[in-house]
Amino acid sequence: PLPSTTPLLSDTRYHFRTEVDLDPANADGSADGWVDRDYAVNGTNYASFRTRPIKVAAGGDVADPDIADLDDDATADVIQAIDPLHLLALGDLAYDNGELENFRQFYDPSWGRFKSRTKPVPGNHEYNLGPATGYFDYFNGVGQANGIAGERGKGYYAFDVGTWRVYALNSEIAIDANSDQVTWLQSDLAANPRSCSLAFVHKPRFSGGNYTDNESLAPMFQVL
């Protein structure tokens, strides 16, 4: 902004740009777009709105101090360079058992910088010692029933990114055709028809990597 002591000249157009946060729910203050305004002292105002491209980053199997080539600091730097609107955290985020101390000690110093814009799902390691207590305590708050990881005990939820509908799914709880999660997914898809939807989950339905296909995800895959 111009200093208050600077007089505006007549018949002169001044240009101002104001960055805005299009996703205030994440409270990270990131500039997802900007407002351009031209002001003319004679009273004529010109305004236009422009948005930057929406970028989303995704990754999982994040922080394990016992694996030398699992460098969560390096991947955090890559994410920082991408500067995504959302980070989809794909489970197995804090080894070995996803305890709250694992998250605080290993995950938080690297990927924790993106916590306010992270959309997580749990992996099998989060359930090694029970119902992913450390995972929900870290993302939602200790003992909190709801938060950015969805409802405690469920861990599945949906949100919008631009015109897309995005589904965070939990492969570590019941996912048969009659399960609460698959029933919810079917209902939300019907209630929110979109040209494009995206779903992310820890275990893949099909795999060309080190692990086999997950037939258990077939009902969820068919609904999608």
C-alpha atoms as a PDB file:
ATOM      1  CA  PRO A   1       0.000   0.000   0.000  1.00  0.00           C
ATOM      2  CA  LEU A   2       1.040   3.588  -0.499  1.00  0.00           C
ATOM      3  CA  PRO A   3       2.149   5.450   2.636  1.00  0.00           C
ATOM      4  CA  SER A   4      -0.683   7.525   4.052  1.00  0.00           C
ATOM      5  CA  THR A   5       1.397  10.667   3.594  1.00  0.00           C
ATOM      6  CA  THR A   6       1.659  10.151  -0.175  1.00  0.00           C
ATOM      7  CA  PRO A   7      -0.946  12.284  -1.967  1.00  0.00           C
ATOM      8  CA  LEU A   8      -2.851  10.714  -4.861  1.00  0.00           C
ATOM      9  CA  LEU A   9      -2.637  12.711  -8.052  1.00  0.00           C
ATOM     10  CA  SER A  10      -5.706  13.571 -10.049  1.00  0.00           C
ATOM     11  CA  ASP A  11      -6.213  11.920 -13.449  1.00  0.00           C
ATOM     12  CA  THR A  12      -3.772   9.174 -12.457  1.00  0.00           C
ATOM     13  CA  ARG A  13      -4.431   5.445 -12.295  1.00  0.00           C
ATOM     14  CA  TYR A  14      -2.920   3.444  -9.435  1.00  0.00           C
ATOM     15  CA  HIS A  15      -2.555  -0.328  -9.475  1.00  0.00           C
ATOM     16  CA  PHE A  16      -2.959  -2.472  -6.330  1.00  0.00           C
ATOM     17  CA  ARG A  17      -2.676  -6.253  -5.906  1.00  0.00           C
ATOM     18  CA  THR A  18      -4.093  -8.012  -2.859  1.00  0.00           C
ATOM     19  CA  GLU A  19      -3.329 -11.676  -2.236  1.00  0.00           C
ATOM     20  CA  VAL A  20      -6.231 -13.732  -0.880  1.00  0.00           C
ATOM     21  CA  ASP A  21      -6.648 -17.145   0.733  1.00  0.00           C
ATOM     22  CA  LEU A  22      -9.313 -19.105  -1.139  1.00  0.00           C
ATOM     23  CA  ASP A  23      -9.390 -21.863   1.460  1.00  0.00           C
ATOM     24  CA  PRO A  24      -9.676 -20.097   4.821  1.00  0.00           C
ATOM     25  CA  ALA A  25     -10.555 -23.385   6.530  1.00  0.00           C
ATOM     26  CA  ASN A  26      -6.914 -24.412   6.393  1.00  0.00           C
ATOM     27  CA  ALA A  27      -5.929 -21.172   8.162  1.00  0.00           C
ATOM     28  CA  ASP A  28      -2.460 -21.216   6.645  1.00  0.00           C
ATOM     29  CA  GLY A  29      -2.773 -17.806   5.033  1.00  0.00           C
ATOM     30  CA  SER A  30      -1.448 -19.097   1.730  1.00  0.00           C
ATOM     31  CA  ALA A  31      -2.143 -16.894  -1.276  1.00  0.00           C
ATOM     32  CA  ASP A  32      -4.325 -19.055  -3.511  1.00  0.00           C
ATOM     33  CA  GLY A  33      -5.200 -16.124  -5.737  1.00  0.00           C
ATOM     34  CA  TRP A  34      -5.137 -12.391  -5.940  1.00  0.00           C
ATOM     35  CA  VAL A  35      -7.344  -9.406  -6.617  1.00  0.00           C
ATOM     36  CA  ASP A  36      -6.062  -6.798  -9.058  1.00  0.00           C
ATOM     37  CA  ARG A  37      -7.564  -3.334  -8.771  1.00  0.00           C
ATOM     38  CA  ASP A  38      -6.889  -0.161 -10.689  1.00  0.00           C
ATOM     39  CA  TYR A  39      -8.069   3.022  -9.021  1.00  0.00           C
ATOM     40  CA  ALA A  40      -8.446   6.285 -10.819  1.00  0.00           C
ATOM     41  CA  VAL A  41      -8.734   9.384  -8.663  1.00  0.00           C
ATOM     42  CA  ASN A  42     -11.636  10.641 -10.742  1.00  0.00           C
ATOM     43  CA  GLY A  43     -13.770   7.874  -9.197  1.00  0.00           C
ATOM     44  CA  THR A  44     -13.658   5.188 -11.887  1.00  0.00           C
ATOM     45  CA  ASN A  45     -12.809   1.767 -10.411  1.00  0.00           C
ATOM     46  CA  TYR A  46     -11.568  -1.268 -12.341  1.00  0.00           C
ATOM     47  CA  ALA A  47     -11.364  -4.691 -10.699  1.00  0.00           C
ATOM     48  CA  SER A  48     -10.519  -8.175 -11.858  1.00  0.00           C
ATOM     49  CA  PHE A  49      -9.991 -11.479 -10.070  1.00  0.00           C
ATOM     50  CA  ARG A  50      -7.428 -14.065 -11.048  1.00  0.00           C
ATOM     51  CA  THR A  51      -6.564 -17.402  -9.451  1.00  0.00           C
ATOM     52  CA  ARG A  52      -3.358 -19.329  -9.609  1.00  0.00           C
ATOM     53  CA  PRO A  53      -3.523 -22.977 -10.738  1.00  0.00           C
ATOM     54  CA  ILE A  54      -4.621 -25.375  -8.005  1.00  0.00           C
ATOM     55  CA  LYS A  55      -1.844 -27.812  -7.147  1.00  0.00           C
ATOM     56  CA  VAL A  56      -2.119 -30.889  -4.940  1.00  0.00           C
ATOM     57  CA  ALA A  57       0.786 -33.004  -3.697  1.00  0.00           C
ATOM     58  CA  ALA A  58       0.543 -36.586  -2.442  1.00  0.00           C
ATOM     59  CA  GLY A  59       2.854 -39.039  -0.719  1.00  0.00           C
ATOM     60  CA  GLY A  60       2.964 -41.694   1.971  1.00  0.00           C
ATOM     61  CA  ASP A  61       5.289 -43.932   3.997  1.00  0.00           C
ATOM     62  CA  VAL A  62       6.883 -40.786   5.328  1.00  0.00           C
ATOM     63  CA  ALA A  63       8.964 -40.730   8.493  1.00  0.00           C
ATOM     64  CA  ASP A  64      11.050 -43.685   9.650  1.00  0.00           C
ATOM     65  CA  PRO A  65      14.376 -42.985  11.389  1.00  0.00           C
ATOM     66  CA  ASP A  66      15.519 -46.576  10.813  1.00  0.00           C
ATOM     67  CA  ILE A  67      15.394 -46.459   7.004  1.00  0.00           C
ATOM     68  CA  ALA A  68      18.240 -44.460   5.520  1.00  0.00           C
ATOM     69  CA  ASP A  69      16.663 -43.822   2.112  1.00  0.00           C
ATOM     70  CA  LEU A  70      13.304 -42.683   3.531  1.00  0.00           C
ATOM     71  CA  ASP A  71      14.276 -39.028   3.746  1.00  0.00           C
ATOM     72  CA  ASP A  72      11.236 -37.116   4.910  1.00  0.00           C
ATOM     73  CA  ASP A  73      13.218 -33.879   5.096  1.00  0.00           C
ATOM     74  CA  ALA A  74      14.049 -34.109   1.390  1.00  0.00           C
ATOM     75  CA  THR A  75      10.478 -34.892   0.382  1.00  0.00           C
ATOM     76  CA  ALA A  76       9.267 -32.019   2.568  1.00  0.00           C
ATOM     77  CA  ASP A  77      11.545 -29.701   0.605  1.00  0.00           C
ATOM     78  CA  VAL A  78      10.015 -30.999  -2.651  1.00  0.00           C
ATOM     79  CA  ILE A  79       6.527 -30.322  -1.298  1.00  0.00           C
ATOM     80  CA  GLN A  80       7.597 -26.851  -0.208  1.00  0.00           C
ATOM     81  CA  ALA A  81       8.744 -26.121  -3.759  1.00  0.00           C
ATOM     82  CA  ILE A  82       5.442 -27.367  -5.190  1.00  0.00           C
ATOM     83  CA  ASP A  83       3.541 -25.181  -2.682  1.00  0.00           C
ATOM     84  CA  PRO A  84       0.286 -27.172  -2.969  1.00  0.00           C
ATOM     85  CA  LEU A  85      -3.130 -26.081  -1.815  1.00  0.00           C
ATOM     86  CA  HIS A  86      -3.479 -29.495  -0.162  1.00  0.00           C
ATOM     87  CA  LEU A  87      -1.071 -32.271   0.760  1.00  0.00           C
ATOM     88  CA  LEU A  88      -2.652 -35.717   0.566  1.00  0.00           C
ATOM     89  CA  ALA A  89      -0.843 -37.831   3.174  1.00  0.00           C
ATOM     90  CA  LEU A  90      -1.318 -41.456   2.137  1.00  0.00           C
ATOM     91  CA  GLY A  91      -0.775 -43.367   5.365  1.00  0.00           C
ATOM     92  CA  ASP A  92       2.084 -45.062   7.223  1.00  0.00           C
ATOM     93  CA  LEU A  93       3.122 -41.552   8.113  1.00  0.00           C
ATOM     94  CA  ALA A  94       5.105 -42.136  11.320  1.00  0.00           C
ATOM     95  CA  TYR A  95       6.895 -45.422  11.861  1.00  0.00           C
ATOM     96  CA  ASP A  96       6.896 -47.780  13.422  1.00  0.00           C
ATOM     97  CA  ASN A  97       3.471 -47.817  15.040  1.00  0.00           C
ATOM     98  CA  GLY A  98       1.978 -44.375  14.431  1.00  0.00           C
ATOM     99  CA  GLU A  99       2.063 -43.492  18.124  1.00  0.00           C
ATOM    100  CA  LEU A 100       1.656 -39.832  19.022  1.00  0.00           C
ATOM    101  CA  GLU A 101       5.319 -39.676  20.036  1.00  0.00           C
ATOM    102  CA  ASN A 102       6.280 -41.138  16.625  1.00  0.00           C
ATOM    103  CA  PHE A 103       4.381 -38.283  14.959  1.00  0.00           C
ATOM    104  CA  ARG A 104       5.867 -35.646  17.233  1.00  0.00           C
ATOM    105  CA  GLN A 105       9.424 -36.908  17.007  1.00  0.00           C
ATOM    106  CA  PHE A 106       9.706 -38.043  13.390  1.00  0.00           C
ATOM    107  CA  TYR A 107       6.851 -36.679  11.271  1.00  0.00           C
ATOM    108  CA  ASP A 108       6.275 -33.237  12.729  1.00  0.00           C
ATOM    109  CA  PRO A 109       9.795 -31.786  12.170  1.00  0.00           C
ATOM    110  CA  SER A 110       9.503 -32.366   8.410  1.00  0.00           C
ATOM    111  CA  TRP A 111       5.993 -32.793   7.040  1.00  0.00           C
ATOM    112  CA  GLY A 112       4.481 -31.108  10.073  1.00  0.00           C
ATOM    113  CA  ARG A 113       5.117 -27.740   8.454  1.00  0.00           C
ATOM    114  CA  PHE A 114       2.190 -28.543   6.097  1.00  0.00           C
ATOM    115  CA  LYS A 115      -0.181 -29.745   8.801  1.00  0.00           C
ATOM    116  CA  SER A 116      -2.716 -26.965   8.305  1.00  0.00           C
ATOM    117  CA  ARG A 117      -3.183 -27.921   4.654  1.00  0.00           C
ATOM    118  CA  THR A 118      -2.771 -31.694   5.003  1.00  0.00           C
ATOM    119  CA  LYS A 119      -5.583 -34.110   4.173  1.00  0.00           C
ATOM    120  CA  PRO A 120      -4.466 -37.427   5.700  1.00  0.00           C
ATOM    121  CA  VAL A 121      -5.581 -41.049   5.578  1.00  0.00           C
ATOM    122  CA  PRO A 122      -4.208 -43.760   7.882  1.00  0.00           C
ATOM    123  CA  GLY A 123      -2.161 -46.780   6.866  1.00  0.00           C
ATOM    124  CA  ASN A 124      -1.709 -50.181   8.447  1.00  0.00           C
ATOM    125  CA  HIS A 125       1.153 -48.996  10.670  1.00  0.00           C
ATOM    126  CA  GLU A 126      -1.165 -46.481  12.316  1.00  0.00           C
ATOM    127  CA  TYR A 127      -3.270 -49.476  13.416  1.00  0.00           C
ATOM    128  CA  ASN A 128      -0.397 -51.656  14.682  1.00  0.00           C
ATOM    129  CA  LEU A 129      -1.225 -50.957  18.322  1.00  0.00           C
ATOM    130  CA  GLY A 130      -4.976 -50.413  18.081  1.00  0.00           C
ATOM    131  CA  PRO A 131      -7.460 -47.942  16.602  1.00  0.00           C
ATOM    132  CA  ALA A 132      -4.948 -45.368  15.243  1.00  0.00           C
ATOM    133  CA  THR A 133      -5.061 -43.359  18.468  1.00  0.00           C
ATOM    134  CA  GLY A 134      -1.772 -41.559  17.864  1.00  0.00           C
ATOM    135  CA  TYR A 135      -2.782 -40.656  14.312  1.00  0.00           C
ATOM    136  CA  PHE A 136      -6.065 -39.060  15.378  1.00  0.00           C
ATOM    137  CA  ASP A 137      -4.452 -37.405  18.406  1.00  0.00           C
ATOM    138  CA  TYR A 138      -1.818 -35.791  16.192  1.00  0.00           C
ATOM    139  CA  PHE A 139      -4.071 -34.498  13.429  1.00  0.00           C
ATOM    140  CA  ASN A 140      -7.312 -33.803  15.338  1.00  0.00           C
ATOM    141  CA  GLY A 141      -5.924 -33.022  18.769  1.00  0.00           C
ATOM    142  CA  VAL A 142      -5.517 -35.296  21.772  1.00  0.00           C
ATOM    143  CA  GLY A 143      -8.870 -36.872  22.564  1.00  0.00           C
ATOM    144  CA  GLN A 144     -10.727 -34.760  19.980  1.00  0.00           C
ATOM    145  CA  ALA A 145     -13.536 -36.558  18.141  1.00  0.00           C
ATOM    146  CA  ASN A 146     -13.248 -34.614  14.890  1.00  0.00           C
ATOM    147  CA  GLY A 147     -10.659 -32.674  12.971  1.00  0.00           C
ATOM    148  CA  ILE A 148      -8.648 -32.648   9.794  1.00  0.00           C
ATOM    149  CA  ALA A 149      -8.362 -36.472   9.858  1.00  0.00           C
ATOM    150  CA  GLY A 150     -12.124 -36.889   9.901  1.00  0.00           C
ATOM    151  CA  GLU A 151     -14.187 -38.477  12.649  1.00  0.00           C
ATOM    152  CA  ARG A 152     -12.137 -40.474  15.130  1.00  0.00           C
ATOM    153  CA  GLY A 153     -12.536 -44.183  14.473  1.00  0.00           C
ATOM    154  CA  LYS A 154     -13.686 -43.619  10.903  1.00  0.00           C
ATOM    155  CA  GLY A 155     -10.981 -41.610   9.190  1.00  0.00           C
ATOM    156  CA  TYR A 156     -12.873 -41.177   5.926  1.00  0.00           C
ATOM    157  CA  TYR A 157     -14.309 -37.886   4.686  1.00  0.00           C
ATOM    158  CA  ALA A 158     -14.858 -35.778   1.575  1.00  0.00           C
ATOM    159  CA  PHE A 159     -13.982 -32.233   0.563  1.00  0.00           C
ATOM    160  CA  ASP A 160     -13.980 -30.002  -2.507  1.00  0.00           C
ATOM    161  CA  VAL A 161     -10.987 -28.753  -4.459  1.00  0.00           C
ATOM    162  CA  GLY A 162     -12.140 -26.335  -7.118  1.00  0.00           C
ATOM    163  CA  THR A 163     -14.885 -28.168  -9.029  1.00  0.00           C
ATOM    164  CA  TRP A 164     -13.578 -31.607  -7.993  1.00  0.00           C
ATOM    165  CA  ARG A 165     -14.977 -33.763  -5.181  1.00  0.00           C
ATOM    166  CA  VAL A 166     -12.173 -35.510  -3.281  1.00  0.00           C
ATOM    167  CA  TYR A 167     -12.565 -38.597  -1.086  1.00  0.00           C
ATOM    168  CA  ALA A 168     -10.187 -39.564   1.704  1.00  0.00           C
ATOM    169  CA  LEU A 169     -10.754 -43.266   2.373  1.00  0.00           C
ATOM    170  CA  ASN A 170      -9.628 -45.656   5.082  1.00  0.00           C
ATOM    171  CA  SER A 171      -8.382 -49.037   3.891  1.00  0.00           C
ATOM    172  CA  GLU A 172      -7.747 -50.226   7.465  1.00  0.00           C
ATOM    173  CA  ILE A 173     -11.357 -50.606   8.651  1.00  0.00           C
ATOM    174  CA  ALA A 174     -14.387 -52.429   7.245  1.00  0.00           C
ATOM    175  CA  ILE A 175     -14.654 -51.873   3.483  1.00  0.00           C
ATOM    176  CA  ASP A 176     -16.997 -54.652   2.385  1.00  0.00           C
ATOM    177  CA  ALA A 177     -19.978 -53.809   0.205  1.00  0.00           C
ATOM    178  CA  ASN A 178     -22.292 -53.391   3.214  1.00  0.00           C
ATOM    179  CA  SER A 179     -19.867 -51.463   5.395  1.00  0.00           C
ATOM    180  CA  ASP A 180     -20.659 -48.001   6.729  1.00  0.00           C
ATOM    181  CA  GLN A 181     -17.777 -46.521   4.733  1.00  0.00           C
ATOM    182  CA  VAL A 182     -18.809 -47.917   1.353  1.00  0.00           C
ATOM    183  CA  THR A 183     -22.448 -47.000   2.021  1.00  0.00           C
ATOM    184  CA  TRP A 184     -21.381 -43.452   2.885  1.00  0.00           C
ATOM    185  CA  LEU A 185     -19.189 -43.242  -0.225  1.00  0.00           C
ATOM    186  CA  GLN A 186     -22.031 -44.327  -2.471  1.00  0.00           C
ATOM    187  CA  SER A 187     -24.392 -41.789  -0.899  1.00  0.00           C
ATOM    188  CA  ASP A 188     -21.930 -38.903  -1.129  1.00  0.00           C
ATOM    189  CA  LEU A 189     -21.139 -39.631  -4.771  1.00  0.00           C
ATOM    190  CA  ALA A 190     -24.858 -39.591  -5.561  1.00  0.00           C
ATOM    191  CA  ALA A 191     -25.392 -36.348  -3.631  1.00  0.00           C
ATOM    192  CA  ASN A 192     -22.384 -34.603  -5.203  1.00  0.00           C
ATOM    193  CA  PRO A 193     -22.280 -35.426  -8.918  1.00  0.00           C
ATOM    194  CA  ARG A 194     -19.132 -34.001 -10.499  1.00  0.00           C
ATOM    195  CA  SER A 195     -17.411 -34.304 -13.829  1.00  0.00           C
ATOM    196  CA  CYS A 196     -14.246 -35.162 -11.912  1.00  0.00           C
ATOM    197  CA  SER A 197     -13.764 -36.903  -8.579  1.00  0.00           C
ATOM    198  CA  LEU A 198     -10.590 -38.132  -6.916  1.00  0.00           C
ATOM    199  CA  ALA A 199     -10.194 -40.754  -4.212  1.00  0.00           C
ATOM    200  CA  PHE A 200      -7.066 -41.573  -2.234  1.00  0.00           C
ATOM    201  CA  VAL A 201      -6.391 -44.444   0.136  1.00  0.00           C
ATOM    202  CA  HIS A 202      -3.347 -46.158   1.641  1.00  0.00           C
ATOM    203  CA  LYS A 203      -3.635 -49.620   0.099  1.00  0.00           C
ATOM    204  CA  PRO A 204      -3.999 -49.766  -3.691  1.00  0.00           C
ATOM    205  CA  ARG A 205      -6.655 -51.830  -5.400  1.00  0.00           C
ATOM    206  CA  PHE A 206      -4.081 -52.784  -8.035  1.00  0.00           C
ATOM    207  CA  SER A 207      -0.329 -52.784  -7.611  1.00  0.00           C
ATOM    208  CA  GLY A 208       2.651 -53.093  -9.912  1.00  0.00           C
ATOM    209  CA  GLY A 209       5.119 -52.609  -7.094  1.00  0.00           C
ATOM    210  CA  ASN A 210       6.363 -54.607  -4.130  1.00  0.00           C
ATOM    211  CA  TYR A 211       2.913 -55.542  -2.870  1.00  0.00           C
ATOM    212  CA  THR A 212       0.107 -57.572  -4.368  1.00  0.00           C
ATOM    213  CA  ASP A 213      -3.303 -56.331  -5.454  1.00  0.00           C
ATOM    214  CA  ASN A 214      -5.824 -55.709  -2.670  1.00  0.00           C
ATOM    215  CA  GLU A 215      -8.981 -57.602  -3.551  1.00  0.00           C
ATOM    216  CA  SER A 216     -10.607 -56.303  -0.366  1.00  0.00           C
ATOM    217  CA  LEU A 217     -10.857 -52.860  -1.964  1.00  0.00           C
ATOM    218  CA  ALA A 218     -12.992 -54.170  -4.845  1.00  0.00           C
ATOM    219  CA  PRO A 219     -16.363 -52.977  -3.402  1.00  0.00           C
ATOM    220  CA  MET A 220     -14.979 -49.462  -2.874  1.00  0.00           C
ATOM    221  CA  PHE A 221     -13.384 -49.484  -6.327  1.00  0.00           C
ATOM    222  CA  GLN A 222     -16.631 -50.579  -7.982  1.00  0.00           C
ATOM    223  CA  VAL A 223     -18.598 -47.798  -6.275  1.00  0.00           C
ATOM    224  CA  LEU A 224     -16.068 -45.254  -7.511  1.00  0.00           C
END
